[in-house]
Protein backbone atom coordinates (compact mmCIF):
# COMPACT_ATOMS: atom_id res chain seq x y z
CA MET A 1 110.33 105.50 124.63
CA SER A 2 107.93 107.96 123.43
CA LEU A 3 109.21 111.20 120.93
CA ASN A 4 108.16 114.75 121.65
CA LEU A 5 107.14 115.11 117.59
CA ILE A 6 106.49 118.64 115.52
CA PHE A 7 103.79 117.83 112.72
CA ALA A 8 104.33 120.00 109.33
CA GLY A 9 101.16 119.20 106.86
CA THR A 10 98.49 120.41 105.00
CA PRO A 11 95.76 118.16 102.90
CA GLU A 12 94.10 115.31 103.78
CA PHE A 13 96.91 113.18 103.01
CA ALA A 14 98.52 114.63 105.60
CA ALA A 15 95.98 114.78 108.32
CA GLU A 16 95.50 110.91 108.40
CA HIS A 17 99.26 110.64 109.21
CA LEU A 18 98.86 113.34 111.56
CA GLN A 19 95.58 111.10 113.23
CA ALA A 20 98.28 108.23 113.28
CA LEU A 21 100.52 110.00 115.47
CA ILE A 22 97.73 111.44 117.44
CA ASP A 23 97.09 107.75 118.11
CA SER A 24 100.13 106.34 119.23
CA GLU A 25 102.38 106.57 121.99
CA HIS A 26 104.50 110.03 120.52
CA ARG A 27 103.40 113.26 121.73
CA VAL A 28 102.36 115.75 119.05
CA VAL A 29 103.49 119.16 120.65
CA ALA A 30 102.59 121.63 117.62
CA VAL A 31 101.43 121.42 114.22
CA TYR A 32 102.88 123.45 111.26
CA SER A 33 100.40 124.13 108.59
CA GLN A 34 99.55 126.64 105.23
CA PRO A 35 97.68 129.47 105.97
CA ASP A 36 93.88 129.51 105.50
CA ARG A 37 92.51 129.55 101.82
CA PRO A 38 89.80 130.99 100.11
CA ALA A 39 87.43 127.81 99.37
CA GLY A 40 83.95 127.05 97.74
CA ARG A 41 81.81 129.53 96.00
CA GLY A 42 82.08 131.78 98.83
CA ARG A 43 85.61 131.92 98.44
CA LYS A 44 85.56 131.91 102.63
CA LEU A 45 89.12 131.69 104.46
CA THR A 46 89.45 128.05 104.96
CA ALA A 47 91.61 125.67 107.45
CA SER A 48 93.54 123.11 106.29
CA PRO A 49 92.78 119.43 107.44
CA VAL A 50 95.70 119.64 109.13
CA LYS A 51 94.79 122.37 110.57
CA SER A 52 91.44 121.53 111.77
CA LEU A 53 92.33 118.10 113.11
CA ALA A 54 94.90 119.71 114.97
CA LEU A 55 92.23 122.36 116.88
CA ALA A 56 89.96 119.13 117.16
CA HIS A 57 92.84 117.75 119.21
CA GLN A 58 93.73 121.17 121.18
CA ILE A 59 97.03 121.11 119.31
CA PRO A 60 99.06 124.55 118.78
CA VAL A 61 99.56 125.77 115.33
CA PHE A 62 101.41 127.67 113.44
CA GLN A 63 101.10 129.07 110.19
CA PRO A 64 104.05 130.80 109.38
CA LEU A 65 104.17 131.91 105.34
CA ASN A 66 108.16 130.99 105.54
CA PHE A 67 111.11 130.37 108.17
CA LYS A 68 113.11 132.83 106.86
CA SER A 69 112.60 135.42 110.13
CA ASP A 70 114.84 134.73 113.05
CA ALA A 71 110.96 134.55 114.89
CA ALA A 72 109.95 132.02 112.98
CA GLN A 73 113.07 129.96 113.89
CA ALA A 74 112.95 130.60 117.58
CA GLU A 75 109.48 130.03 117.26
CA LEU A 76 109.90 126.38 116.48
CA ALA A 77 113.53 125.79 118.19
CA ALA A 78 111.16 126.73 121.49
CA LEU A 79 109.13 123.66 121.06
CA GLN A 80 112.51 121.63 121.69
CA ALA A 81 110.83 118.87 119.53
CA ASP A 82 112.77 115.57 119.14
CA LEU A 83 111.58 115.21 115.07
CA MET A 84 110.17 117.11 112.82
CA VAL A 85 107.70 114.97 110.75
CA VAL A 86 106.65 116.24 106.99
CA VAL A 87 104.19 115.26 105.10
CA ALA A 88 102.84 117.03 102.03
CA TYR A 89 103.42 120.63 104.05
CA GLY A 90 103.73 122.75 100.94
CA LEU A 91 106.66 124.95 102.21
CA ILE A 92 110.61 124.56 101.69
CA LEU A 93 112.52 124.45 105.14
CA PRO A 94 115.85 125.84 105.32
CA GLN A 95 118.50 123.81 106.79
CA VAL A 96 118.56 125.55 109.86
CA ILE A 97 115.10 124.09 110.37
CA LEU A 98 116.48 121.14 109.50
CA ASP A 99 118.75 120.95 112.22
CA THR A 100 116.56 122.35 114.81
CA PRO A 101 115.01 118.83 116.02
CA ARG A 102 117.09 116.72 118.25
CA LEU A 103 116.39 113.75 115.54
CA GLY A 104 116.04 115.96 112.52
CA CYS A 105 113.11 116.12 109.89
CA VAL A 106 111.37 113.05 108.20
CA ASN A 107 109.37 113.30 105.42
CA VAL A 108 106.52 110.90 104.13
CA HIS A 109 106.75 110.83 100.30
CA ALA A 110 104.27 109.30 97.98
CA SER A 111 106.39 107.17 95.75
CA LEU A 112 109.40 104.80 95.68
CA LEU A 113 112.04 107.17 96.04
CA PRO A 114 113.93 108.01 93.71
CA ARG A 115 111.61 107.81 91.25
CA TRP A 116 108.75 110.41 90.89
CA ARG A 117 111.13 113.32 93.53
CA GLY A 118 108.57 116.22 93.48
CA ALA A 119 104.77 117.68 93.57
CA ALA A 120 102.93 114.79 91.97
CA PRO A 121 104.07 111.75 92.34
CA ILE A 122 100.87 109.83 92.97
CA HIS A 123 99.70 111.22 89.41
CA ARG A 124 102.91 111.02 87.69
CA ALA A 125 102.88 107.47 88.17
CA LEU A 126 99.71 106.54 86.99
CA LEU A 127 100.52 108.86 83.71
CA ALA A 128 103.74 106.71 83.25
CA ASP A 129 101.74 103.19 83.46
CA ASP A 130 104.10 102.55 86.21
CA ALA A 131 103.47 98.95 87.77
CA GLN A 132 104.05 99.75 91.18
CA THR A 133 104.56 102.42 93.57
CA GLY A 134 104.72 102.97 97.23
CA ILE A 135 105.87 104.96 100.05
CA THR A 136 109.22 106.20 101.27
CA ILE A 137 110.02 107.36 104.51
CA MET A 138 112.93 109.49 104.22
CA GLN A 139 115.46 111.67 106.84
CA MET A 140 115.25 115.15 105.06
CA ASP A 141 117.92 117.25 103.82
CA ALA A 142 118.26 120.35 101.88
CA GLY A 143 117.75 118.69 98.54
CA LEU A 144 114.35 118.01 97.12
CA ASP A 145 113.19 114.74 98.09
CA THR A 146 116.57 113.33 97.96
CA GLY A 147 117.35 112.46 101.94
CA ASP A 148 118.10 108.82 102.83
CA ALA A 149 115.31 106.49 102.90
CA LEU A 150 114.41 104.73 106.08
CA VAL A 151 111.49 102.96 104.96
CA THR A 152 110.11 101.81 101.91
CA VAL A 153 106.95 100.40 101.08
CA ALA A 154 105.41 99.64 97.78
CA CYS A 155 102.08 98.55 96.39
CA ASP A 156 101.24 97.18 92.92
CA ILE A 157 99.12 99.93 90.99
CA LEU A 158 95.58 98.47 89.47
CA PRO A 159 94.51 99.04 86.32
CA THR A 160 91.45 100.82 87.23
CA ASP A 161 93.21 103.05 89.55
CA SER A 162 92.99 106.63 89.76
CA SER A 163 94.69 109.27 91.66
CA ALA A 164 91.74 109.33 94.16
CA ILE A 165 91.95 105.95 95.00
CA LEU A 166 95.45 105.62 94.90
CA HIS A 167 95.98 108.50 97.41
CA ASP A 168 93.70 106.17 99.55
CA ARG A 169 95.93 102.90 99.54
CA LEU A 170 98.99 104.97 99.87
CA ILE A 171 97.80 106.71 103.35
CA GLU A 172 97.03 102.76 104.40
CA LEU A 173 100.55 102.14 103.90
CA GLY A 174 102.21 105.58 104.69
CA ALA A 175 100.53 105.97 108.59
CA PRO A 176 102.18 102.37 109.65
CA ALA A 177 105.36 103.18 107.75
CA LEU A 178 105.77 106.34 109.72
CA LEU A 179 105.63 104.84 112.70
CA GLN A 180 108.10 102.25 111.68
CA ALA A 181 110.47 104.51 110.97
CA LEU A 182 110.23 106.71 114.24
CA ASN A 183 110.83 103.40 116.23
CA GLN A 184 114.17 102.92 114.02
CA LEU A 185 115.02 106.21 114.98
CA GLU A 186 114.52 106.02 118.68
CA THR A 187 116.73 102.54 118.71
CA ALA A 188 119.19 103.17 115.56
CA ALA A 189 117.99 99.99 114.72
CA THR A 190 118.59 100.12 110.56
CA GLN A 191 120.98 102.31 108.59
CA PRO A 192 119.18 105.18 106.43
CA VAL A 193 119.93 103.60 102.79
CA ALA A 194 121.09 106.69 100.64
CA GLN A 195 119.27 106.87 97.30
CA ASN A 196 120.77 106.75 93.60
CA SER A 197 120.54 110.20 91.81
CA ALA A 198 120.77 108.66 88.93
CA GLN A 199 118.05 106.66 88.87
CA ALA A 200 115.83 110.14 89.78
CA THR A 201 112.93 111.37 88.27
CA TYR A 202 111.21 113.96 88.93
CA ALA A 203 107.01 114.38 89.17
CA HIS A 204 106.34 118.31 88.10
CA LYS A 205 103.55 120.02 89.45
CA LEU A 206 100.51 119.37 87.62
CA GLU A 207 99.25 121.88 85.05
CA LYS A 208 95.31 121.90 83.56
CA ILE A 209 96.69 121.99 79.97
CA GLU A 210 97.71 118.38 80.70
CA GLY A 211 94.25 117.04 80.55
CA GLN A 212 93.25 118.05 77.42
CA ILE A 213 92.29 114.87 75.59
CA ASP A 214 94.26 114.45 72.44
CA TRP A 215 92.08 111.69 70.39
CA SER A 216 94.52 110.69 68.00
CA ASP A 217 96.28 109.45 71.30
CA SER A 218 95.93 105.58 71.56
CA ALA A 219 92.91 104.61 74.47
CA GLU A 220 94.90 103.06 76.74
CA GLN A 221 97.04 106.41 76.90
CA ILE A 222 94.02 108.47 77.04
CA ASP A 223 92.55 106.00 80.09
CA ARG A 224 95.93 106.59 81.88
CA GLN A 225 95.32 110.66 81.58
CA ILE A 226 91.61 110.12 82.73
CA ARG A 227 92.67 107.73 85.84
CA GLY A 228 96.01 110.14 86.54
CA LEU A 229 94.53 113.39 86.79
CA THR A 230 90.84 112.81 88.55
CA PRO A 231 89.61 114.45 89.92
CA TRP A 232 92.00 117.08 89.89
CA PRO A 233 92.94 119.12 87.12
CA GLY A 234 90.88 116.45 85.30
CA ALA A 235 90.73 115.30 81.61
CA PHE A 236 88.45 117.30 79.44
CA THR A 237 87.31 117.30 75.64
CA GLN A 238 85.39 119.23 73.60
CA TRP A 239 81.65 118.56 72.44
CA GLN A 240 78.96 120.69 70.39
CA GLY A 241 81.51 123.69 71.72
CA GLU A 242 81.15 122.37 75.36
CA THR A 243 83.96 121.71 77.28
CA VAL A 244 83.09 118.06 78.87
CA ARG A 245 85.00 116.45 81.76
CA LEU A 246 85.69 112.97 81.72
CA HIS A 247 85.70 111.17 85.07
CA GLN A 248 85.69 107.29 84.43
CA ALA A 249 86.34 105.31 81.41
CA SER A 250 87.30 101.23 80.70
CA LEU A 251 89.25 99.77 77.72
CA PRO A 252 86.91 97.33 75.96
CA GLY A 253 89.65 96.09 74.08
CA GLN A 254 88.11 97.35 70.42
CA SER A 255 89.38 98.59 67.61
CA SER A 256 87.65 100.97 65.05
CA GLU A 257 88.60 102.31 61.95
CA ALA A 258 86.62 105.64 62.63
CA ALA A 259 88.27 109.19 62.89
CA PRO A 260 89.87 109.55 66.51
CA GLY A 261 86.94 111.34 68.77
CA SER A 262 84.16 109.62 67.16
CA LEU A 263 81.35 108.24 68.56
CA VAL A 264 80.81 104.41 67.58
CA ALA A 265 78.49 103.05 70.04
CA MET A 266 76.43 104.52 72.68
CA THR A 267 74.97 101.82 75.19
CA LYS A 268 73.87 101.76 79.20
CA VAL A 269 77.48 101.22 80.03
CA GLY A 270 79.23 103.79 78.56
CA PHE A 271 80.13 105.61 75.12
CA ASP A 272 82.69 103.87 73.01
CA VAL A 273 84.79 106.65 71.13
CA ALA A 274 87.06 106.19 68.41
CA THR A 275 90.96 106.67 68.97
CA GLY A 276 94.46 106.70 67.40
CA ASP A 277 94.63 103.28 68.33
CA GLY A 278 91.77 101.29 70.05
CA VAL A 279 88.23 102.05 71.44
CA LEU A 280 88.09 104.16 74.58
CA ARG A 281 84.65 103.52 76.81
CA ILE A 282 83.61 106.98 78.70
CA GLU A 283 81.84 105.97 81.38
CA LYS A 284 81.02 108.98 83.73
CA LEU A 285 81.25 112.48 82.25
CA GLN A 286 80.04 115.71 83.29
CA LEU A 287 78.56 118.74 81.25
CA PRO A 288 79.25 122.57 81.85
CA GLY A 289 76.98 123.57 85.12
CA LYS A 290 76.00 119.74 86.02
CA LYS A 291 77.06 117.32 88.19
CA ALA A 292 78.98 114.43 86.96
CA MET A 293 76.19 111.54 84.99
CA SER A 294 77.12 108.14 84.12
CA ALA A 295 76.78 107.61 80.57
CA SER A 296 73.49 106.00 80.55
CA ASP A 297 72.11 109.14 82.68
CA LEU A 298 73.16 111.17 80.08
CA LEU A 299 72.31 108.85 77.05
CA ASN A 300 68.85 109.43 78.90
CA ALA A 301 68.65 113.07 78.74
CA ARG A 302 70.40 113.59 75.39
CA ARG A 303 70.42 110.66 72.98
CA ASP A 304 68.72 112.33 70.25
CA GLN A 305 71.91 114.97 70.61
CA PHE A 306 74.40 112.73 70.68
CA ILE A 307 73.17 111.03 67.58
CA ALA A 308 72.57 113.74 65.62
CA HIS A 309 76.48 114.86 66.72
CA PRO A 310 78.73 112.02 67.35
CA GLN A 311 81.67 113.62 67.24
CA PHE A 312 84.41 114.72 70.52
CA THR A 313 87.35 117.27 69.45
CA ASN A 314 90.20 118.37 70.99
CA SER A 315 89.54 121.20 73.09
CA ALA A 316 90.90 124.81 73.29
CA ILE A 317 92.37 125.53 76.70
CA LEU A 318 90.35 125.82 80.18
């Protein structure tokens, strides 16, 4: 049996889940997304990926600032949906909205709840050096990611994963998990599982200052920082008064007695930098006003300058 669905989401992560619903036997009767935002160098108002996808499929789109007004609540109720699916929407849903669809609201969350409730679960899992993460499909309640779990799917975090890579892998897990959860809700096949709030951790919103490299940290910690904060807000350091963004690094498994931040080797495979514990190999970096470059390309362009000034320093806040 197909369900009449409202979908609420905003970024690309959400759009991929919307596409899975569009391709399924279910019917998406309306889409809710954040209001258009200025984007790009021209700061032109731009539709979200979810809105763009919905319009391409002739699905009605609603973009309220919130659901506080009676009009916004009545507008959603008039859709007479069986269920509302929420994926990275960005607005808090009051209880009256949670109670409106016949089967309530479900959420796709990019962690193994109750670990990493909140806004940045993918990044926090990488920064914390978690061995695993995953997707939780939960029945929403009034709390912050506190609802009962309908489906949970785990995946390993690989040593080379960045937040962008892990984001894409979780999309591949999330879409089929969502369809499985919808089937379970239709048939009442399984009982939702309550979260153990005593085990909860919180994925607080990322701040730019978290990207500032402290070279007295260990190489492993800085590597996690780069992977966890790429592409946003990005990891950065200082070289010759310029802010340099670090896009990709690796761990060569070497040690060094040099001062933290010192360039100890420069080769085609990367810049080896001493840290508080071990050596970090920078493989891709970006100078101000330039595109990101491989270490090999940057070495060809600025070898003499790096030889003359072989030291990265802790940055001022961007």
